[in-house]
Protein backbone atom coordinates (compact mmCIF):
# COMPACT_ATOMS: atom_id res chain seq x y z
CA MET A 1 0.14 0.19 -0.04
CA GLU A 2 2.89 2.36 0.87
CA GLN A 3 4.44 1.47 -2.56
CA LYS A 4 1.22 2.63 -4.61
CA ILE A 5 1.05 6.01 -2.31
CA LYS A 6 4.61 7.11 -2.93
CA GLY A 7 4.20 6.13 -6.62
CA ARG A 8 1.21 8.63 -6.88
CA ALA A 9 3.40 10.99 -4.90
CA GLY A 10 5.64 10.84 -7.75
CA ASN A 11 2.88 11.78 -10.06
CA SER A 12 1.27 14.86 -8.37
CA SER A 13 0.84 18.36 -9.55
CA ASP A 14 2.78 21.06 -7.56
CA LYS A 15 -0.15 22.88 -7.22
CA THR A 16 -1.42 20.16 -4.86
CA PRO A 17 -1.30 21.24 -1.35
CA ILE A 18 0.28 19.46 1.71
CA VAL A 19 -2.57 20.03 3.04
CA PRO A 20 -5.85 21.59 2.02
CA LYS A 21 -7.02 25.15 3.45
CA GLN A 22 -9.92 23.78 5.17
CA TYR A 23 -8.02 20.87 7.31
CA ILE A 24 -4.97 22.83 8.59
CA VAL A 25 -5.90 23.85 11.54
CA HIS A 26 -6.25 20.26 11.90
CA PHE A 27 -3.14 19.37 11.00
CA VAL A 28 -1.45 21.75 13.51
CA MET A 29 -3.50 20.18 16.18
CA LEU A 30 -2.08 16.78 15.29
CA ILE A 31 1.77 18.01 15.13
CA SER A 32 0.83 19.07 18.60
CA CYS A 33 0.40 15.52 19.29
CA PHE A 34 3.39 14.63 17.61
CA ILE A 35 5.45 17.15 19.50
CA LEU A 36 3.63 15.98 22.76
CA TRP A 37 4.59 12.18 22.50
CA GLY A 38 7.87 12.92 21.29
CA LEU A 39 8.04 15.12 24.57
CA LEU A 40 6.86 12.95 26.73
CA ASN A 41 9.35 10.13 25.43
CA ASN A 42 12.34 11.38 26.15
CA MET A 43 11.67 13.05 29.66
CA THR A 44 10.55 9.73 30.92
CA ASP A 45 14.03 8.24 30.01
CA ASN A 46 15.37 10.81 32.77
CA LEU A 47 12.59 9.67 35.08
CA VAL A 48 14.56 6.42 35.95
CA PRO A 49 18.05 8.02 37.05
CA ALA A 50 15.65 10.75 39.26
CA PHE A 51 13.54 7.96 40.77
CA GLY A 52 16.54 5.77 41.62
CA ARG A 53 17.79 8.54 43.84
CA ILE A 54 14.70 9.89 45.22
CA PHE A 55 13.30 6.31 46.00
CA MET A 56 16.76 5.04 47.13
CA LEU A 57 16.02 1.95 44.30
CA GLU A 58 18.76 -0.04 42.77
CA ALA A 59 19.24 -0.14 38.39
CA ALA A 60 16.76 -2.75 37.89
CA ASP A 61 13.96 -1.73 40.20
CA ALA A 62 14.27 2.05 38.86
CA SER A 63 13.65 0.59 35.44
CA LEU A 64 10.66 -0.44 36.03
CA THR A 65 9.36 2.89 34.96
CA GLN A 66 10.49 1.87 31.17
CA VAL A 67 8.65 -1.56 31.74
CA ALA A 68 5.32 0.67 32.83
CA PHE A 69 5.78 2.92 30.09
CA TYR A 70 6.95 0.54 27.00
CA GLY A 71 4.71 -1.99 28.23
CA SER A 72 1.53 -0.28 28.07
CA TYR A 73 2.87 0.78 24.51
CA ALA A 74 2.75 -2.58 23.33
CA VAL A 75 -0.35 -3.86 25.06
CA LEU A 76 -2.48 -1.04 23.38
CA ALA A 77 -1.50 -0.72 20.16
CA LEU A 78 -3.59 -3.32 18.84
CA PRO A 79 -6.99 -1.92 20.91
CA ALA A 80 -6.10 1.83 19.07
CA ALA A 81 -6.18 0.07 15.68
CA VAL A 82 -9.64 -1.56 16.63
CA LEU A 83 -10.73 1.90 17.95
CA ILE A 84 -10.34 4.06 15.06
CA LYS A 85 -11.70 1.22 12.71
CA LYS A 86 -15.04 1.16 14.56
CA TYR A 87 -15.34 4.41 15.68
CA SER A 88 -13.21 7.46 14.20
CA TYR A 89 -9.51 8.62 13.57
CA ARG A 90 -11.00 11.61 16.02
CA HIS A 91 -12.52 9.43 18.74
CA GLY A 92 -8.41 7.82 19.03
CA VAL A 93 -7.42 10.72 19.75
CA LEU A 94 -10.08 12.08 22.54
CA VAL A 95 -9.37 8.57 24.66
CA GLY A 96 -5.46 8.78 23.67
CA LEU A 97 -5.20 12.57 24.87
CA GLY A 98 -7.56 11.44 27.90
CA LEU A 99 -5.75 8.59 29.05
CA TYR A 100 -2.97 11.19 29.04
CA ILE A 101 -4.57 13.70 31.18
CA VAL A 102 -5.62 11.11 33.58
CA GLY A 103 -2.06 9.46 33.94
CA ALA A 104 -0.70 12.86 34.57
CA MET A 105 -2.47 13.96 37.14
CA GLY A 106 -1.78 10.60 38.94
CA TYR A 107 1.14 12.04 39.79
CA ILE A 108 0.13 14.44 41.97
CA PRO A 109 -1.05 11.91 44.57
CA ALA A 110 1.46 9.60 43.75
CA ALA A 111 4.09 12.76 44.78
CA MET A 112 1.75 13.27 47.91
CA SER A 113 1.95 9.56 49.29
CA GLN A 114 5.72 9.63 47.89
CA ASN A 115 4.76 6.17 46.53
CA PHE A 116 6.61 4.84 43.66
CA ASN A 117 3.97 2.02 42.70
CA LEU A 118 1.80 5.02 42.12
CA PHE A 119 4.10 6.34 39.78
CA LEU A 120 4.23 3.24 38.54
CA ILE A 121 0.43 2.86 37.59
CA SER A 122 0.44 6.40 36.29
CA VAL A 123 3.06 6.14 33.48
CA PHE A 124 1.56 3.16 32.27
CA VAL A 125 -1.95 5.18 31.96
CA LEU A 126 0.22 7.80 30.37
CA ALA A 127 1.92 5.63 28.33
CA GLY A 128 -1.21 3.93 27.09
CA GLY A 129 -2.72 7.70 25.96
CA LEU A 130 0.29 7.64 24.08
CA SER A 131 0.57 4.58 22.40
CA ILE A 132 -3.17 5.32 21.10
CA LEU A 133 -2.21 8.82 20.04
CA GLU A 134 0.90 7.37 17.85
CA THR A 135 -1.36 4.60 16.36
CA THR A 136 -4.07 6.87 15.47
CA CYS A 137 -2.31 10.37 14.22
CA ASN A 138 -0.02 8.41 11.57
CA PRO A 139 -3.44 7.56 9.67
CA TYR A 140 -5.14 10.39 10.45
CA VAL A 141 -2.33 12.97 8.90
CA ILE A 142 -2.48 10.95 5.93
CA SER A 143 -6.18 11.47 5.70
CA LEU A 144 -6.35 15.16 5.55
CA GLY A 145 -5.67 15.95 1.63
CA ASP A 146 -5.29 14.26 -1.37
CA GLU A 147 -3.74 10.79 -1.57
CA SER A 148 -1.09 12.04 -3.86
CA THR A 149 0.84 14.21 -1.03
CA SER A 150 0.11 11.95 1.84
CA VAL A 151 3.47 10.76 2.12
CA ARG A 152 4.70 14.99 2.14
CA ARG A 153 2.12 15.43 4.80
CA LEU A 154 3.49 12.54 7.15
CA ASN A 155 6.93 13.74 6.82
CA LEU A 156 6.14 17.13 7.47
CA ALA A 157 3.98 16.40 10.48
CA GLN A 158 7.05 13.69 11.54
CA ALA A 159 9.25 16.73 11.55
CA PHE A 160 8.37 18.09 14.44
CA ASN A 161 8.75 15.21 16.63
CA PRO A 162 12.36 15.64 17.43
CA ILE A 163 11.01 19.13 18.89
CA GLY A 164 9.22 17.56 21.46
CA SER A 165 12.46 15.39 22.30
CA LEU A 166 14.59 17.80 22.38
CA THR A 167 11.69 20.01 24.68
CA GLY A 168 11.60 16.93 26.91
CA ILE A 169 15.22 16.09 27.38
CA ILE A 170 15.40 20.26 28.31
CA LEU A 171 12.41 20.21 30.66
CA ALA A 172 14.23 16.92 32.14
CA LYS A 173 17.13 18.36 33.00
CA TYR A 174 16.50 21.76 34.63
CA LEU A 175 13.05 21.24 36.14
CA ILE A 176 13.96 17.74 37.54
CA LEU A 177 17.47 16.76 37.65
CA SER A 178 18.17 20.02 38.39
CA ASN A 179 15.87 20.09 41.47
CA LEU A 180 17.17 16.54 43.01
CA ASN A 181 19.22 17.13 46.42
CA PRO A 182 23.12 15.96 46.17
CA ALA A 183 22.65 13.98 49.23
CA THR A 184 23.65 10.45 48.57
CA TYR A 185 22.27 7.00 49.22
CA GLU A 186 24.41 6.43 52.58
CA GLU A 187 23.57 10.46 53.31
CA ARG A 188 19.93 9.65 53.04
CA ILE A 189 20.02 6.36 54.62
CA ALA A 190 21.50 8.43 57.82
CA MET A 191 18.52 10.98 57.69
CA THR A 192 15.61 11.57 60.28
CA PRO A 193 12.46 10.25 58.23
CA GLU A 194 11.23 14.04 58.77
CA ALA A 195 14.08 15.00 56.70
CA LEU A 196 14.28 12.38 53.99
CA SER A 197 10.53 12.65 53.45
CA ALA A 198 10.98 17.00 53.18
CA ILE A 199 13.73 16.15 50.56
CA ARG A 200 11.52 13.60 48.18
CA SER A 201 8.48 16.12 48.85
CA ASN A 202 10.48 18.98 47.02
CA GLU A 203 12.11 16.49 44.56
CA LEU A 204 8.57 14.57 43.37
CA LEU A 205 7.07 18.61 43.10
CA TRP A 206 9.81 18.95 40.65
CA VAL A 207 8.79 15.36 38.71
CA CYS A 208 5.03 16.35 38.75
CA VAL A 209 5.45 20.60 36.99
CA PRO A 210 6.13 19.19 33.65
CA TYR A 211 3.74 16.06 33.38
CA VAL A 212 1.05 18.31 35.22
CA GLY A 213 2.10 21.90 33.42
CA LEU A 214 1.67 19.94 29.96
CA VAL A 215 -2.33 18.58 31.03
CA ALA A 216 -3.34 22.29 29.83
CA ILE A 217 -2.45 21.89 26.26
CA ALA A 218 -3.37 18.44 26.08
CA ILE A 219 -6.43 19.75 27.25
CA ILE A 220 -6.97 22.14 25.02
CA ILE A 221 -6.27 20.00 21.74
CA TRP A 222 -9.10 17.57 23.41
CA CYS A 223 -11.66 20.27 23.31
CA PHE A 224 -11.01 20.56 19.47
CA PHE A 225 -11.08 17.50 18.71
CA LYS A 226 -14.28 17.07 20.90
CA LYS A 227 -15.99 20.08 19.29
CA ASN A 228 -15.02 19.26 15.44
CA LYS A 229 -16.44 16.15 14.17
CA ASP A 230 -15.62 15.89 10.60
CA SER A 231 -13.65 12.99 11.04
CA GLU A 232 -13.72 9.91 9.16
CA LYS A 233 -13.89 6.27 10.02
CA ASP A 234 -10.45 4.11 8.56
CA GLU A 235 -11.88 2.40 5.68
CA SER A 236 -9.19 1.03 4.25
CA GLY A 237 -10.86 -2.68 4.35
CA ASP A 238 -11.71 -4.93 7.27
CA LEU A 239 -10.09 -6.09 10.10
CA ASN A 240 -9.69 -9.44 11.29
CA ILE A 241 -7.29 -9.47 13.61
CA VAL A 242 -6.68 -13.48 13.99
CA LYS A 243 -6.78 -14.06 10.36
CA SER A 244 -4.47 -11.48 9.63
CA ILE A 245 -1.74 -12.90 12.24
CA LYS A 246 -1.89 -15.98 10.99
CA LYS A 247 -0.56 -15.02 7.92
CA LEU A 248 1.46 -12.46 8.73
CA VAL A 249 3.50 -14.66 11.35
CA LYS A 250 3.76 -17.12 7.92
CA ILE A 251 6.12 -13.85 6.06
CA PRO A 252 9.32 -14.03 6.89
CA ARG A 253 10.88 -10.78 6.35
CA TYR A 254 7.60 -9.41 8.74
CA ALA A 255 8.02 -11.88 11.54
CA PHE A 256 11.89 -11.31 11.76
CA GLY A 257 11.02 -7.65 11.42
CA VAL A 258 9.27 -7.58 14.66
CA VAL A 259 11.73 -9.42 16.11
CA ALA A 260 14.72 -7.03 15.01
CA GLN A 261 12.17 -3.70 15.64
CA PHE A 262 11.94 -5.50 19.63
CA PHE A 263 15.38 -5.67 20.10
CA TYR A 264 16.14 -2.44 18.58
CA VAL A 265 13.37 -0.31 20.65
CA GLY A 266 15.33 -2.25 23.33
CA VAL A 267 18.67 -1.17 22.42
CA GLN A 268 17.39 2.50 21.96
CA ILE A 269 15.73 2.39 25.16
CA ALA A 270 18.63 0.82 27.59
CA VAL A 271 21.05 3.02 25.79
CA TRP A 272 19.29 6.24 26.64
CA THR A 273 17.93 5.16 30.26
CA TRP A 274 21.44 4.25 31.34
CA THR A 275 23.38 6.96 29.75
CA ILE A 276 22.94 9.45 32.34
CA GLN A 277 24.51 6.70 34.69
CA TYR A 278 27.51 5.56 32.79
CA VAL A 279 28.20 9.76 32.60
CA MET A 280 27.92 10.24 36.07
CA THR A 281 29.96 6.66 36.69
CA THR A 282 32.90 7.29 34.84
CA LEU A 283 33.28 11.04 34.56
CA GLY A 284 32.04 11.69 38.37
CA LEU A 285 29.49 14.21 37.67
CA ASN A 286 26.00 14.55 39.09
CA GLU A 287 22.23 14.07 37.08
CA ALA A 288 21.86 17.57 35.27
CA ALA A 289 25.69 17.28 34.47
CA ALA A 290 25.11 14.23 32.73
CA ALA A 291 22.59 15.22 31.08
CA GLN A 292 24.19 17.29 29.31
CA TYR A 293 25.78 14.33 27.17
CA TYR A 294 21.98 12.88 26.97
CA LEU A 295 21.27 16.14 24.73
CA ILE A 296 24.45 15.60 22.66
CA ALA A 297 23.62 12.10 21.72
CA ILE A 298 19.90 13.17 20.86
CA ILE A 299 20.78 15.91 18.71
CA SER A 300 23.14 13.39 16.81
CA PHE A 301 20.71 10.74 16.66
CA ILE A 302 18.12 13.65 14.99
CA ILE A 303 20.77 15.26 12.58
CA CYS A 304 21.97 11.58 11.57
CA ARG A 305 18.60 10.67 10.71
CA TRP A 306 17.86 13.68 8.18
CA VAL A 307 21.24 13.27 6.25
CA CYS A 308 20.40 9.72 6.36
CA THR A 309 17.19 10.08 4.77
CA ALA A 310 18.59 12.14 2.25
CA LEU A 311 21.04 9.46 0.79
CA MET A 312 18.21 7.12 0.55
CA LYS A 313 17.76 8.47 -2.53
CA TYR A 314 20.96 6.85 -3.73
CA ILE A 315 21.73 3.97 -1.05
CA ASP A 316 19.77 0.46 -0.61
CA PRO A 317 18.38 1.34 3.64
CA ALA A 318 18.83 -1.62 4.39
CA ILE A 319 23.11 -1.47 3.53
CA MET A 320 22.58 1.70 5.12
CA MET A 321 21.36 -0.07 7.96
CA ALA A 322 24.04 -2.64 7.86
CA ILE A 323 26.99 0.05 7.91
CA PHE A 324 25.08 1.73 11.14
CA ALA A 325 24.36 -1.55 12.98
CA ILE A 326 28.43 -2.78 12.47
CA GLY A 327 28.99 1.48 13.94
CA GLY A 328 26.98 0.57 16.84
CA ILE A 329 28.53 -2.51 17.37
CA ALA A 330 32.02 -0.92 17.09
CA PHE A 331 31.26 2.06 19.38
CA SER A 332 29.32 -0.75 21.93
CA LEU A 333 32.68 -2.18 21.89
CA GLY A 334 34.42 0.86 22.71
CA THR A 335 32.05 2.05 25.21
CA ILE A 336 33.04 -0.93 27.32
CA TYR A 337 36.78 -1.35 26.74
CA LEU A 338 38.09 2.05 26.12
CA PRO A 339 39.44 4.75 28.80
CA THR A 340 36.98 7.17 29.59
CA ASN A 341 37.17 10.10 27.53
CA GLN A 342 36.90 8.09 24.51
CA SER A 343 34.23 6.01 25.35
CA VAL A 344 31.84 8.35 26.61
CA TRP A 345 31.92 9.55 23.47
CA CYS A 346 31.72 6.37 21.68
CA LEU A 347 28.33 6.75 24.13
CA VAL A 348 27.17 9.42 22.52
CA ALA A 349 28.19 7.91 19.17
CA ILE A 350 25.26 4.69 19.60
CA SER A 351 22.81 7.23 18.90
CA ALA A 352 23.96 8.29 16.17
CA CYS A 353 24.28 4.35 14.50
CA MET A 354 20.83 4.12 15.73
CA SER A 355 19.12 7.18 13.64
CA LEU A 356 17.90 5.56 10.67
CA MET A 357 16.76 1.87 12.27
CA PHE A 358 13.54 2.34 13.35
CA PRO A 359 11.82 3.63 10.10
CA THR A 360 14.25 1.32 8.08
CA ILE A 361 12.93 -1.79 9.67
CA TYR A 362 9.66 -0.05 9.40
CA GLY A 363 9.59 0.17 6.14
CA ILE A 364 10.79 -3.19 5.17
CA ALA A 365 8.78 -5.69 7.19
CA LEU A 366 5.52 -3.64 5.63
CA LYS A 367 6.22 -3.98 2.59
CA ASP A 368 3.54 -5.72 0.16
CA LEU A 369 1.56 -6.15 2.91
CA GLY A 370 -1.52 -5.11 0.82
CA GLU A 371 -4.61 -4.77 3.60
CA GLU A 372 -2.47 -6.69 6.39
CA VAL A 373 -0.70 -3.31 6.49
CA LYS A 374 -2.87 -2.19 9.62
CA VAL A 375 -2.12 -5.29 11.98
CA GLY A 376 1.04 -5.53 10.50
CA ALA A 377 1.64 -1.84 11.72
CA ALA A 378 -0.08 -2.32 15.03
CA GLY A 379 2.58 -4.98 15.70
CA LEU A 380 5.53 -3.50 14.76
CA ILE A 381 4.56 -0.78 17.80
CA MET A 382 4.04 -3.47 19.97
CA ALA A 383 7.57 -4.71 19.40
CA ILE A 384 8.56 -1.28 21.65
CA LEU A 385 8.15 -3.96 24.33
CA GLY A 386 11.43 -4.55 24.06
CA GLY A 387 12.91 -1.54 25.95
CA ALA A 388 10.08 -2.75 28.85
CA VAL A 389 12.63 -5.90 28.75
CA ILE A 390 15.93 -5.36 27.34
CA THR A 391 16.28 -2.15 29.87
CA PRO A 392 15.71 -3.59 32.94
CA PHE A 393 17.62 -6.56 32.24
CA MET A 394 20.65 -4.08 31.45
CA GLY A 395 19.69 -2.95 34.78
CA SER A 396 20.02 -6.07 36.54
CA LEU A 397 23.64 -6.47 35.01
CA ILE A 398 24.38 -3.32 36.26
CA ASP A 399 23.10 -4.07 39.83
CA SER A 400 24.98 -7.28 39.93
CA GLY A 401 27.98 -7.01 38.01
CA LYS A 402 27.75 -10.22 36.51
CA LEU A 403 30.26 -9.52 33.48
CA SER A 404 32.12 -7.42 35.10
CA SER A 405 35.00 -10.21 34.94
CA ILE A 406 35.67 -8.83 30.87
CA VAL A 407 36.50 -5.67 32.16
CA PRO A 408 39.65 -6.74 34.20
CA MET A 409 41.19 -3.26 33.59
CA PHE A 410 38.21 -1.51 35.42
CA ASN A 411 36.44 -2.11 39.20
CA GLY A 412 33.25 -1.64 40.81
CA SER A 413 30.79 0.24 39.54
CA GLU A 414 32.07 1.18 36.71
CA ALA A 415 33.07 -2.05 35.75
CA ALA A 416 29.17 -3.40 36.12
CA ILE A 417 28.12 -0.48 33.73
CA ARG A 418 30.60 -0.91 31.05
CA SER A 419 29.99 -4.55 31.05
CA SER A 420 26.40 -4.03 30.78
CA PHE A 421 26.40 -2.48 26.93
CA LEU A 422 27.37 -6.59 25.68
CA VAL A 423 23.49 -6.26 25.56
CA PRO A 424 23.61 -3.25 22.93
CA VAL A 425 26.01 -5.50 20.77
CA VAL A 426 23.82 -8.56 20.74
CA CYS A 427 20.85 -6.06 19.75
CA PHE A 428 22.95 -4.51 17.33
CA ALA A 429 23.76 -7.79 15.71
CA VAL A 430 19.89 -8.84 15.52
CA VAL A 431 19.32 -5.85 13.05
CA LEU A 432 22.84 -6.47 11.24
CA LEU A 433 21.47 -10.13 10.60
CA TYR A 434 18.19 -8.57 9.44
CA SER A 435 19.28 -5.88 7.53
CA ILE A 436 21.61 -8.73 5.86
CA CYS A 437 18.84 -11.14 5.02
CA PHE A 438 15.92 -9.01 3.77
CA ARG A 439 18.27 -6.35 1.64
CA THR A 440 15.64 -5.07 -0.56
CA LYS A 441 15.43 -2.24 -3.40
CA LYS A 442 16.07 1.27 -2.46
CA SER A 443 12.09 1.64 -2.85
CA ALA A 444 11.62 -0.11 0.45
């Protein structure tokens, strides 16, 4: 289906508007949704070190935040496809924003009670809303105008997602991480319950501020789509999930694509989640200072994505992905074995290598699926579960130091976190194998 759309786009008239005048306000409102979930995705990565310090958690326990977030993404992808099929794209946006608002407001009682488990429940509900939004908004944008300009329209909307990502990192750095008390685990243990509660109360207040503050924007968008009812259902064919799944699992390119996407998303979330802790451990910086390197990593990711998109005119995307997967393996090994200054920049470079992988796997896996593309796309969104599995697994390796023997030149916590980056090596190897096995023409 996507190939047909691209073909039509190539023959479209230059006079055909990317977004017709009657849909411009809808398009702007949808762009705000793209920005919103990009912002919240990257801001949540910073909650792991924040909750680790606030609640004095080990790495594996703190990473349950990512389990709740990306686990919810996986659970609600298929229900979102059913929702927009049975009702409309507008209903999908309303339900998605509604769940986000409920989840974000749940941060308030969680902070007041200083209860980590309540935070996890709120994160799960919030992320469920984002999952529905992400599954809904892409086809919604495509529907807002002529089919010949649909790809350009979607690319334009997606171009605003990195703006949200950068905003999320900046908000986390200056509102959450900068307001963490510098007291260490040992110092917090020695405090009286009253003193510790006072510190936590202030820290959790600043955790709530950006999430609850964004509710006002979400309500404005929600009210717009509630009032404007000129949204259509997805009429692109019947949706028979069981039948579609049976057909899809028999297609090696798709089935292996879901596996590759699982490992890719897993490595992306794991690397970004543990970047701040790695920098803190190796360079001895606090959370806010270490977040500078995380910001540089995200900027390199965004720049490389734009560059790779341009180069795909001339180079087979699968070949490019194979090269970048090899780079990811090499930089992960550098993060493990090189001296501190070089290893930190290898860590940053891993993000550049990840830049083109999600959309490339997505495009190869969905090629020529016809009417099964809806369930196929939902399956690839469900592969985001990799972030909920691989991130805590890597955290457990950091806590236990089981692989520390592979870096005998380093000791203690530094050896533990360095050695855990053997996990990204394995993940990139899976992506490399997929790109080699399912090389496609440039049009993929």
